[in-house]
PDB file of all heavy atoms in Angstrom:
ATOM      1  N   GLU A   1       7.101   9.996  21.801  1.00  0.00           N
ATOM      2  CA  GLU A   1       7.261   8.721  21.119  1.00  0.00           C
ATOM      3  C   GLU A   1       5.896   8.072  20.918  1.00  0.00           C
ATOM      4  O   GLU A   1       4.936   8.390  21.628  1.00  0.00           O
ATOM      5  CB  GLU A   1       8.170   7.802  21.932  1.00  0.00           C
ATOM      6  CG  GLU A   1       9.574   8.367  22.157  1.00  0.00           C
ATOM      7  CD  GLU A   1      10.448   7.440  22.969  1.00  0.00           C
ATOM      8  OE1 GLU A   1       9.942   6.382  23.411  1.00  0.00           O
ATOM      9  OE2 GLU A   1      11.631   7.760  23.159  1.00  0.00           O
ATOM     10  N   GLY A   2       5.817   7.195  19.943  1.00  0.00           N
ATOM     11  CA  GLY A   2       4.536   6.531  19.722  1.00  0.00           C
ATOM     12  C   GLY A   2       4.515   5.688  18.472  1.00  0.00           C
ATOM     13  O   GLY A   2       5.514   5.571  17.756  1.00  0.00           O
ATOM     14  N   THR A   3       3.368   5.105  18.224  1.00  0.00           N
ATOM     15  CA  THR A   3       3.144   4.262  17.048  1.00  0.00           C
ATOM     16  C   THR A   3       2.245   5.009  16.077  1.00  0.00           C
ATOM     17  O   THR A   3       1.246   5.613  16.479  1.00  0.00           O
ATOM     18  CB  THR A   3       2.475   2.936  17.458  1.00  0.00           C
ATOM     19  OG1 THR A   3       3.320   2.262  18.403  1.00  0.00           O
ATOM     20  CG2 THR A   3       2.269   2.040  16.239  1.00  0.00           C
ATOM     21  N   PHE A   4       2.601   4.996  14.808  1.00  0.00           N
ATOM     22  CA  PHE A   4       1.808   5.693  13.802  1.00  0.00           C
ATOM     23  C   PHE A   4       0.433   5.041  13.664  1.00  0.00           C
ATOM     24  O   PHE A   4       0.275   3.833  13.860  1.00  0.00           O
ATOM     25  CB  PHE A   4       2.524   5.681  12.452  1.00  0.00           C
ATOM     26  CG  PHE A   4       3.941   6.171  12.510  1.00  0.00           C
ATOM     27  CD1 PHE A   4       4.974   5.430  11.947  1.00  0.00           C
ATOM     28  CD2 PHE A   4       4.251   7.370  13.124  1.00  0.00           C
ATOM     29  CE1 PHE A   4       6.282   5.875  11.997  1.00  0.00           C
ATOM     30  CE2 PHE A   4       5.556   7.830  13.190  1.00  0.00           C
ATOM     31  CZ  PHE A   4       6.576   7.079  12.629  1.00  0.00           C
ATOM     32  N   ALA A   5      -0.536   5.865  13.305  1.00  0.00           N
ATOM     33  CA  ALA A   5      -1.884   5.342  13.062  1.00  0.00           C
ATOM     34  C   ALA A   5      -1.892   4.535  11.761  1.00  0.00           C
ATOM     35  O   ALA A   5      -1.214   4.896  10.795  1.00  0.00           O
ATOM     36  CB  ALA A   5      -2.889   6.484  12.975  1.00  0.00           C
ATOM     37  N   PRO A   6      -2.639   3.446  11.706  1.00  0.00           N
ATOM     38  CA  PRO A   6      -2.664   2.616  10.498  1.00  0.00           C
ATOM     39  C   PRO A   6      -3.532   3.230   9.407  1.00  0.00           C
ATOM     40  O   PRO A   6      -4.433   4.030   9.697  1.00  0.00           O
ATOM     41  CB  PRO A   6      -3.267   1.305  10.994  1.00  0.00           C
ATOM     42  CG  PRO A   6      -4.144   1.717  12.135  1.00  0.00           C
ATOM     43  CD  PRO A   6      -3.446   2.870  12.795  1.00  0.00           C
ATOM     44  N   PRO A   7      -3.284   2.876   8.148  1.00  0.00           N
ATOM     45  CA  PRO A   7      -4.182   3.303   7.064  1.00  0.00           C
ATOM     46  C   PRO A   7      -5.581   2.729   7.302  1.00  0.00           C
ATOM     47  O   PRO A   7      -5.782   1.835   8.116  1.00  0.00           O
ATOM     48  CB  PRO A   7      -3.544   2.700   5.809  1.00  0.00           C
ATOM     49  CG  PRO A   7      -2.156   2.328   6.213  1.00  0.00           C
ATOM     50  CD  PRO A   7      -2.196   2.027   7.672  1.00  0.00           C
ATOM     51  N   GLU A   8      -6.523   3.259   6.555  1.00  0.00           N
ATOM     52  CA  GLU A   8      -7.902   2.794   6.698  1.00  0.00           C
ATOM     53  C   GLU A   8      -8.403   2.152   5.400  1.00  0.00           C
ATOM     54  O   GLU A   8      -8.057   2.588   4.310  1.00  0.00           O
ATOM     55  CB  GLU A   8      -8.814   3.972   7.095  1.00  0.00           C
ATOM     56  CG  GLU A   8      -8.435   4.600   8.427  1.00  0.00           C
ATOM     57  CD  GLU A   8      -9.329   5.763   8.795  1.00  0.00           C
ATOM     58  OE1 GLU A   8     -10.241   6.074   8.000  1.00  0.00           O
ATOM     59  OE2 GLU A   8      -9.131   6.350   9.873  1.00  0.00           O
ATOM     60  N   ASP A   9      -9.169   1.081   5.552  1.00  0.00           N
ATOM     61  CA  ASP A   9      -9.953   0.507   4.455  1.00  0.00           C
ATOM     62  C   ASP A   9      -9.094   0.129   3.243  1.00  0.00           C
ATOM     63  O   ASP A   9      -9.220   0.706   2.163  1.00  0.00           O
ATOM     64  CB  ASP A   9     -11.036   1.506   4.040  1.00  0.00           C
ATOM     65  CG  ASP A   9     -12.098   0.842   3.178  1.00  0.00           C
ATOM     66  OD1 ASP A   9     -12.214  -0.394   3.236  1.00  0.00           O
ATOM     67  OD2 ASP A   9     -12.796   1.566   2.434  1.00  0.00           O
ATOM     68  N   ALA A  10      -8.213  -0.856   3.403  1.00  0.00           N
ATOM     69  CA  ALA A  10      -7.421  -1.355   2.272  1.00  0.00           C
ATOM     70  C   ALA A  10      -8.304  -2.182   1.348  1.00  0.00           C
ATOM     71  O   ALA A  10      -9.010  -3.088   1.796  1.00  0.00           O
ATOM     72  CB  ALA A  10      -6.261  -2.203   2.790  1.00  0.00           C
ATOM     73  N   TYR A  11      -8.258  -1.887   0.034  1.00  0.00           N
ATOM     74  CA  TYR A  11      -9.139  -2.582  -0.910  1.00  0.00           C
ATOM     75  C   TYR A  11      -8.534  -2.545  -2.312  1.00  0.00           C
ATOM     76  O   TYR A  11      -7.630  -1.761  -2.609  1.00  0.00           O
ATOM     77  CB  TYR A  11     -10.528  -1.935  -0.915  1.00  0.00           C
ATOM     78  CG  TYR A  11     -10.524  -0.464  -1.278  1.00  0.00           C
ATOM     79  CD1 TYR A  11     -10.763  -0.039  -2.587  1.00  0.00           C
ATOM     80  CD2 TYR A  11     -10.284   0.512  -0.306  1.00  0.00           C
ATOM     81  CE1 TYR A  11     -10.749   1.307  -2.920  1.00  0.00           C
ATOM     82  CE2 TYR A  11     -10.268   1.859  -0.633  1.00  0.00           C
ATOM     83  CZ  TYR A  11     -10.499   2.262  -1.937  1.00  0.00           C
ATOM     84  OH  TYR A  11     -10.484   3.583  -2.258  1.00  0.00           O
ATOM     85  N   TRP A  12      -9.064  -3.433  -3.193  1.00  0.00           N
ATOM     86  CA  TRP A  12      -8.661  -3.448  -4.594  1.00  0.00           C
ATOM     87  C   TRP A  12      -9.560  -2.497  -5.389  1.00  0.00           C
ATOM     88  O   TRP A  12     -10.776  -2.496  -5.215  1.00  0.00           O
ATOM     89  CB  TRP A  12      -8.773  -4.863  -5.175  1.00  0.00           C
ATOM     90  CG  TRP A  12      -7.838  -5.850  -4.543  1.00  0.00           C
ATOM     91  CD1 TRP A  12      -8.151  -6.772  -3.585  1.00  0.00           C
ATOM     92  CD2 TRP A  12      -6.452  -6.012  -4.827  1.00  0.00           C
ATOM     93  NE1 TRP A  12      -7.045  -7.510  -3.245  1.00  0.00           N
ATOM     94  CE2 TRP A  12      -5.977  -7.061  -3.997  1.00  0.00           C
ATOM     95  CE3 TRP A  12      -5.558  -5.389  -5.695  1.00  0.00           C
ATOM     96  CZ2 TRP A  12      -4.656  -7.499  -4.013  1.00  0.00           C
ATOM     97  CZ3 TRP A  12      -4.239  -5.809  -5.714  1.00  0.00           C
ATOM     98  CH2 TRP A  12      -3.800  -6.850  -4.885  1.00  0.00           C
ATOM     99  N   LYS A  13      -8.955  -1.693  -6.244  1.00  0.00           N
ATOM    100  CA  LYS A  13      -9.727  -0.742  -7.032  1.00  0.00           C
ATOM    101  C   LYS A  13     -10.639  -1.481  -8.017  1.00  0.00           C
ATOM    102  O   LYS A  13     -10.212  -2.422  -8.692  1.00  0.00           O
ATOM    103  CB  LYS A  13      -8.781   0.196  -7.788  1.00  0.00           C
ATOM    104  CG  LYS A  13      -9.481   1.273  -8.600  1.00  0.00           C
ATOM    105  CD  LYS A  13      -8.472   2.162  -9.313  1.00  0.00           C
ATOM    106  CE  LYS A  13      -9.184   3.202 -10.164  1.00  0.00           C
ATOM    107  NZ  LYS A  13      -8.236   4.075 -10.893  1.00  0.00           N
ATOM    108  N   ASP A  14     -11.868  -1.023  -8.113  1.00  0.00           N
ATOM    109  CA  ASP A  14     -12.823  -1.633  -9.030  1.00  0.00           C
ATOM    110  C   ASP A  14     -12.389  -1.434 -10.479  1.00  0.00           C
ATOM    111  O   ASP A  14     -11.791  -0.420 -10.839  1.00  0.00           O
ATOM    112  CB  ASP A  14     -14.215  -1.011  -8.834  1.00  0.00           C
ATOM    113  CG  ASP A  14     -14.817  -1.365  -7.489  1.00  0.00           C
ATOM    114  OD1 ASP A  14     -14.390  -2.379  -6.901  1.00  0.00           O
ATOM    115  OD2 ASP A  14     -15.699  -0.611  -7.024  1.00  0.00           O
ATOM    116  N   ASN A  15     -12.721  -2.424 -11.307  1.00  0.00           N
ATOM    117  CA  ASN A  15     -12.465  -2.348 -12.754  1.00  0.00           C
ATOM    118  C   ASN A  15     -10.990  -2.136 -13.095  1.00  0.00           C
ATOM    119  O   ASN A  15     -10.649  -1.535 -14.109  1.00  0.00           O
ATOM    120  CB  ASN A  15     -13.291  -1.224 -13.386  1.00  0.00           C
ATOM    121  CG  ASN A  15     -14.777  -1.386 -13.132  1.00  0.00           C
ATOM    122  OD1 ASN A  15     -15.307  -2.497 -13.218  1.00  0.00           O
ATOM    123  ND2 ASN A  15     -15.446  -0.290 -12.796  1.00  0.00           N
ATOM    124  N   SER A  16     -10.119  -2.605 -12.231  1.00  0.00           N
ATOM    125  CA  SER A  16      -8.689  -2.475 -12.496  1.00  0.00           C
ATOM    126  C   SER A  16      -7.966  -3.640 -11.848  1.00  0.00           C
ATOM    127  O   SER A  16      -7.968  -3.779 -10.634  1.00  0.00           O
ATOM    128  CB  SER A  16      -8.151  -1.155 -11.930  1.00  0.00           C
ATOM    129  OG  SER A  16      -6.761  -1.081 -12.100  1.00  0.00           O
ATOM    130  N   ARG A  17      -7.354  -4.474 -12.646  1.00  0.00           N
ATOM    131  CA  ARG A  17      -6.636  -5.620 -12.098  1.00  0.00           C
ATOM    132  C   ARG A  17      -5.368  -5.165 -11.380  1.00  0.00           C
ATOM    133  O   ARG A  17      -4.524  -4.491 -11.964  1.00  0.00           O
ATOM    134  CB  ARG A  17      -6.246  -6.588 -13.211  1.00  0.00           C
ATOM    135  CG  ARG A  17      -7.404  -7.308 -13.880  1.00  0.00           C
ATOM    136  CD  ARG A  17      -6.891  -8.412 -14.772  1.00  0.00           C
ATOM    137  NE  ARG A  17      -7.964  -9.098 -15.474  1.00  0.00           N
ATOM    138  CZ  ARG A  17      -8.357  -8.812 -16.703  1.00  0.00           C
ATOM    139  NH1 ARG A  17      -7.745  -7.843 -17.364  1.00  0.00           N
ATOM    140  NH2 ARG A  17      -9.333  -9.484 -17.274  1.00  0.00           N
ATOM    141  N   GLY A  18      -5.253  -5.524 -10.127  1.00  0.00           N
ATOM    142  CA  GLY A  18      -3.989  -5.362  -9.419  1.00  0.00           C
ATOM    143  C   GLY A  18      -3.706  -4.012  -8.819  1.00  0.00           C
ATOM    144  O   GLY A  18      -2.607  -3.805  -8.288  1.00  0.00           O
ATOM    145  N   THR A  19      -4.645  -3.054  -8.860  1.00  0.00           N
ATOM    146  CA  THR A  19      -4.381  -1.745  -8.258  1.00  0.00           C
ATOM    147  C   THR A  19      -4.900  -1.722  -6.826  1.00  0.00           C
ATOM    148  O   THR A  19      -6.107  -1.798  -6.590  1.00  0.00           O
ATOM    149  CB  THR A  19      -5.028  -0.606  -9.063  1.00  0.00           C
ATOM    150  OG1 THR A  19      -4.479  -0.600 -10.381  1.00  0.00           O
ATOM    151  CG2 THR A  19      -4.756   0.743  -8.404  1.00  0.00           C
ATOM    152  N   ALA A  20      -3.966  -1.636  -5.888  1.00  0.00           N
ATOM    153  CA  ALA A  20      -4.298  -1.598  -4.464  1.00  0.00           C
ATOM    154  C   ALA A  20      -4.567  -0.152  -4.045  1.00  0.00           C
ATOM    155  O   ALA A  20      -3.891   0.771  -4.495  1.00  0.00           O
ATOM    156  CB  ALA A  20      -3.154  -2.177  -3.645  1.00  0.00           C
ATOM    157  N   ARG A  21      -5.539   0.031  -3.167  1.00  0.00           N
ATOM    158  CA  ARG A  21      -5.875   1.364  -2.667  1.00  0.00           C
ATOM    159  C   ARG A  21      -6.130   1.305  -1.166  1.00  0.00           C
ATOM    160  O   ARG A  21      -6.495   0.254  -0.619  1.00  0.00           O
ATOM    161  CB  ARG A  21      -7.106   1.940  -3.377  1.00  0.00           C
ATOM    162  CG  ARG A  21      -6.898   2.222  -4.853  1.00  0.00           C
ATOM    163  CD  ARG A  21      -8.096   2.935  -5.450  1.00  0.00           C
ATOM    164  NE  ARG A  21      -8.261   4.263  -4.884  1.00  0.00           N
ATOM    165  CZ  ARG A  21      -7.699   5.358  -5.392  1.00  0.00           C
ATOM    166  NH1 ARG A  21      -6.934   5.278  -6.465  1.00  0.00           N
ATOM    167  NH2 ARG A  21      -7.894   6.543  -4.835  1.00  0.00           N
ATOM    168  N   TRP A  22      -5.948   2.453  -0.519  1.00  0.00           N
ATOM    169  CA  TRP A  22      -6.222   2.570   0.904  1.00  0.00           C
ATOM    170  C   TRP A  22      -6.458   4.037   1.224  1.00  0.00           C
ATOM    171  O   TRP A  22      -6.192   4.921   0.408  1.00  0.00           O
ATOM    172  CB  TRP A  22      -5.061   2.023   1.737  1.00  0.00           C
ATOM    173  CG  TRP A  22      -3.738   2.671   1.420  1.00  0.00           C
ATOM    174  CD1 TRP A  22      -3.185   3.763   2.001  1.00  0.00           C
ATOM    175  CD2 TRP A  22      -2.817   2.259   0.399  1.00  0.00           C
ATOM    176  NE1 TRP A  22      -1.982   4.077   1.420  1.00  0.00           N
ATOM    177  CE2 TRP A  22      -1.728   3.157   0.431  1.00  0.00           C
ATOM    178  CE3 TRP A  22      -2.802   1.219  -0.535  1.00  0.00           C
ATOM    179  CZ2 TRP A  22      -0.643   3.041  -0.430  1.00  0.00           C
ATOM    180  CZ3 TRP A  22      -1.715   1.114  -1.392  1.00  0.00           C
ATOM    181  CH2 TRP A  22      -0.646   2.008  -1.338  1.00  0.00           C
ATOM    182  N   GLU A  23      -6.959   4.307   2.429  1.00  0.00           N
ATOM    183  CA  GLU A  23      -7.265   5.669   2.849  1.00  0.00           C
ATOM    184  C   GLU A  23      -6.287   6.103   3.937  1.00  0.00           C
ATOM    185  O   GLU A  23      -5.859   5.309   4.778  1.00  0.00           O
ATOM    186  CB  GLU A  23      -8.698   5.768   3.386  1.00  0.00           C
ATOM    187  CG  GLU A  23      -9.768   5.293   2.412  1.00  0.00           C
ATOM    188  CD  GLU A  23      -9.798   6.111   1.144  1.00  0.00           C
ATOM    189  OE1 GLU A  23      -9.452   7.314   1.203  1.00  0.00           O
ATOM    190  OE2 GLU A  23     -10.174   5.559   0.078  1.00  0.00           O
ATOM    191  N   GLU A  24      -5.935   7.385   3.897  1.00  0.00           N
ATOM    192  CA  GLU A  24      -5.047   7.950   4.915  1.00  0.00           C
ATOM    193  C   GLU A  24      -5.781   8.055   6.243  1.00  0.00           C
ATOM    194  O   GLU A  24      -6.965   8.419   6.275  1.00  0.00           O
ATOM    195  CB  GLU A  24      -4.579   9.339   4.473  1.00  0.00           C
ATOM    196  CG  GLU A  24      -3.606  10.008   5.427  1.00  0.00           C
ATOM    197  CD  GLU A  24      -3.159  11.366   4.918  1.00  0.00           C
ATOM    198  OE1 GLU A  24      -3.685  11.802   3.881  1.00  0.00           O
ATOM    199  OE2 GLU A  24      -2.295  11.970   5.563  1.00  0.00           O
ATOM    200  N   PRO A  25      -5.121   7.741   7.369  1.00  0.00           N
ATOM    201  CA  PRO A  25      -5.795   7.897   8.668  1.00  0.00           C
ATOM    202  C   PRO A  25      -6.118   9.359   8.940  1.00  0.00           C
ATOM    203  O   PRO A  25      -5.404  10.259   8.480  1.00  0.00           O
ATOM    204  CB  PRO A  25      -4.770   7.341   9.667  1.00  0.00           C
ATOM    205  CG  PRO A  25      -3.453   7.440   8.967  1.00  0.00           C
ATOM    206  CD  PRO A  25      -3.748   7.239   7.511  1.00  0.00           C
ATOM    207  N   GLU A  26      -7.182   9.601   9.679  1.00  0.00           N
ATOM    208  CA  GLU A  26      -7.595  10.973   9.966  1.00  0.00           C
ATOM    209  C   GLU A  26      -6.537  11.707  10.776  1.00  0.00           C
ATOM    210  O   GLU A  26      -6.270  12.891  10.556  1.00  0.00           O
ATOM    211  CB  GLU A  26      -8.926  10.977  10.717  1.00  0.00           C
ATOM    212  CG  GLU A  26     -10.107  10.515   9.867  1.00  0.00           C
ATOM    213  CD  GLU A  26     -11.418  10.655  10.620  1.00  0.00           C
ATOM    214  OE1 GLU A  26     -11.406  11.193  11.755  1.00  0.00           O
ATOM    215  OE2 GLU A  26     -12.455  10.231  10.075  1.00  0.00           O
ATOM    216  N   GLU A  27      -5.917  11.033  11.725  1.00  0.00           N
ATOM    217  CA  GLU A  27      -4.866  11.629  12.552  1.00  0.00           C
ATOM    218  C   GLU A  27      -3.796  10.585  12.830  1.00  0.00           C
ATOM    219  O   GLU A  27      -4.072   9.389  12.863  1.00  0.00           O
ATOM    220  CB  GLU A  27      -5.423  12.150  13.888  1.00  0.00           C
ATOM    221  CG  GLU A  27      -6.382  13.319  13.752  1.00  0.00           C
ATOM    222  CD  GLU A  27      -6.889  13.789  15.106  1.00  0.00           C
ATOM    223  OE1 GLU A  27      -6.663  13.081  16.102  1.00  0.00           O
ATOM    224  OE2 GLU A  27      -7.524  14.855  15.157  1.00  0.00           O
ATOM    225  N   GLY A  28      -2.569  11.056  13.018  1.00  0.00           N
ATOM    226  CA  GLY A  28      -1.496  10.167  13.432  1.00  0.00           C
ATOM    227  C   GLY A  28      -0.801   9.429  12.313  1.00  0.00           C
ATOM    228  O   GLY A  28       0.038   8.558  12.575  1.00  0.00           O
ATOM    229  N   GLY A  29      -1.116   9.766  11.053  1.00  0.00           N
ATOM    230  CA  GLY A  29      -0.427   9.134   9.939  1.00  0.00           C
ATOM    231  C   GLY A  29       0.867   9.858   9.603  1.00  0.00           C
ATOM    232  O   GLY A  29       1.224  10.865  10.212  1.00  0.00           O
ATOM    233  N   THR A  30       1.581   9.356   8.590  1.00  0.00           N
ATOM    234  CA  THR A  30       2.858   9.958   8.187  1.00  0.00           C
ATOM    235  C   THR A  30       2.878  10.381   6.730  1.00  0.00           C
ATOM    236  O   THR A  30       3.733  11.158   6.326  1.00  0.00           O
ATOM    237  CB  THR A  30       4.008   8.955   8.401  1.00  0.00           C
ATOM    238  OG1 THR A  30       3.811   7.812   7.543  1.00  0.00           O
ATOM    239  CG2 THR A  30       4.067   8.495   9.857  1.00  0.00           C
ATOM    240  N   GLY A  31       1.969   9.842   5.930  1.00  0.00           N
ATOM    241  CA  GLY A  31       1.996  10.131   4.499  1.00  0.00           C
ATOM    242  C   GLY A  31       2.928   9.220   3.717  1.00  0.00           C
ATOM    243  O   GLY A  31       3.134   9.420   2.520  1.00  0.00           O
ATOM    244  N   LYS A  32       3.497   8.198   4.378  1.00  0.00           N
ATOM    245  CA  LYS A  32       4.349   7.234   3.687  1.00  0.00           C
ATOM    246  C   LYS A  32       3.920   5.827   4.098  1.00  0.00           C
ATOM    247  O   LYS A  32       3.579   5.598   5.271  1.00  0.00           O
ATOM    248  CB  LYS A  32       5.824   7.467   4.014  1.00  0.00           C
ATOM    249  CG  LYS A  32       6.775   6.616   3.186  1.00  0.00           C
ATOM    250  CD  LYS A  32       8.228   6.989   3.447  1.00  0.00           C
ATOM    251  CE  LYS A  32       9.172   6.200   2.565  1.00  0.00           C
ATOM    252  NZ  LYS A  32      10.599   6.567   2.795  1.00  0.00           N
ATOM    253  N   TYR A  33       3.980   4.888   3.130  1.00  0.00           N
ATOM    254  CA  TYR A  33       3.426   3.564   3.370  1.00  0.00           C
ATOM    255  C   TYR A  33       4.351   2.468   2.839  1.00  0.00           C
ATOM    256  O   TYR A  33       5.089   2.666   1.869  1.00  0.00           O
ATOM    257  CB  TYR A  33       2.057   3.430   2.689  1.00  0.00           C
ATOM    258  CG  TYR A  33       1.107   4.551   3.047  1.00  0.00           C
ATOM    259  CD1 TYR A  33       1.034   5.698   2.256  1.00  0.00           C
ATOM    260  CD2 TYR A  33       0.308   4.471   4.180  1.00  0.00           C
ATOM    261  CE1 TYR A  33       0.172   6.738   2.588  1.00  0.00           C
ATOM    262  CE2 TYR A  33      -0.549   5.499   4.514  1.00  0.00           C
ATOM    263  CZ  TYR A  33      -0.614   6.638   3.719  1.00  0.00           C
ATOM    264  OH  TYR A  33      -1.446   7.661   4.048  1.00  0.00           O
ATOM    265  N   GLU A  34       4.265   1.317   3.493  1.00  0.00           N
ATOM    266  CA  GLU A  34       4.888   0.094   2.991  1.00  0.00           C
ATOM    267  C   GLU A  34       3.757  -0.843   2.579  1.00  0.00           C
ATOM    268  O   GLU A  34       2.807  -1.054   3.345  1.00  0.00           O
ATOM    269  CB  GLU A  34       5.751  -0.560   4.055  1.00  0.00           C
ATOM    270  CG  GLU A  34       6.439  -1.834   3.584  1.00  0.00           C
ATOM    271  CD  GLU A  34       7.263  -2.498   4.669  1.00  0.00           C
ATOM    272  OE1 GLU A  34       7.175  -2.060   5.846  1.00  0.00           O
ATOM    273  OE2 GLU A  34       7.983  -3.458   4.352  1.00  0.00           O
ATOM    274  N   VAL A  35       3.851  -1.373   1.358  1.00  0.00           N
ATOM    275  CA  VAL A  35       2.813  -2.273   0.849  1.00  0.00           C
ATOM    276  C   VAL A  35       3.461  -3.596   0.442  1.00  0.00           C
ATOM    277  O   VAL A  35       4.586  -3.625  -0.072  1.00  0.00           O
ATOM    278  CB  VAL A  35       2.055  -1.652  -0.348  1.00  0.00           C
ATOM    279  CG1 VAL A  35       1.163  -0.533   0.118  1.00  0.00           C
ATOM    280  CG2 VAL A  35       3.018  -1.148  -1.414  1.00  0.00           C
ATOM    281  N   VAL A  36       2.734  -4.666   0.690  1.00  0.00           N
ATOM    282  CA  VAL A  36       3.246  -6.006   0.406  1.00  0.00           C
ATOM    283  C   VAL A  36       2.181  -6.792  -0.360  1.00  0.00           C
ATOM    284  O   VAL A  36       1.024  -6.871   0.080  1.00  0.00           O
ATOM    285  CB  VAL A  36       3.610  -6.756   1.703  1.00  0.00           C
ATOM    286  CG1 VAL A  36       4.080  -8.178   1.380  1.00  0.00           C
ATOM    287  CG2 VAL A  36       4.683  -6.007   2.476  1.00  0.00           C
TER     288      VAL A  36
END
């Protein structure tokens, strides 16, 4: 049992209004995300 690793470096994409981006954690991620 455990807690998933968080994404890394959430940021807005340059030269694009409203496109959110983030990086997958090196270990302990799931490949699925909730964004708000």
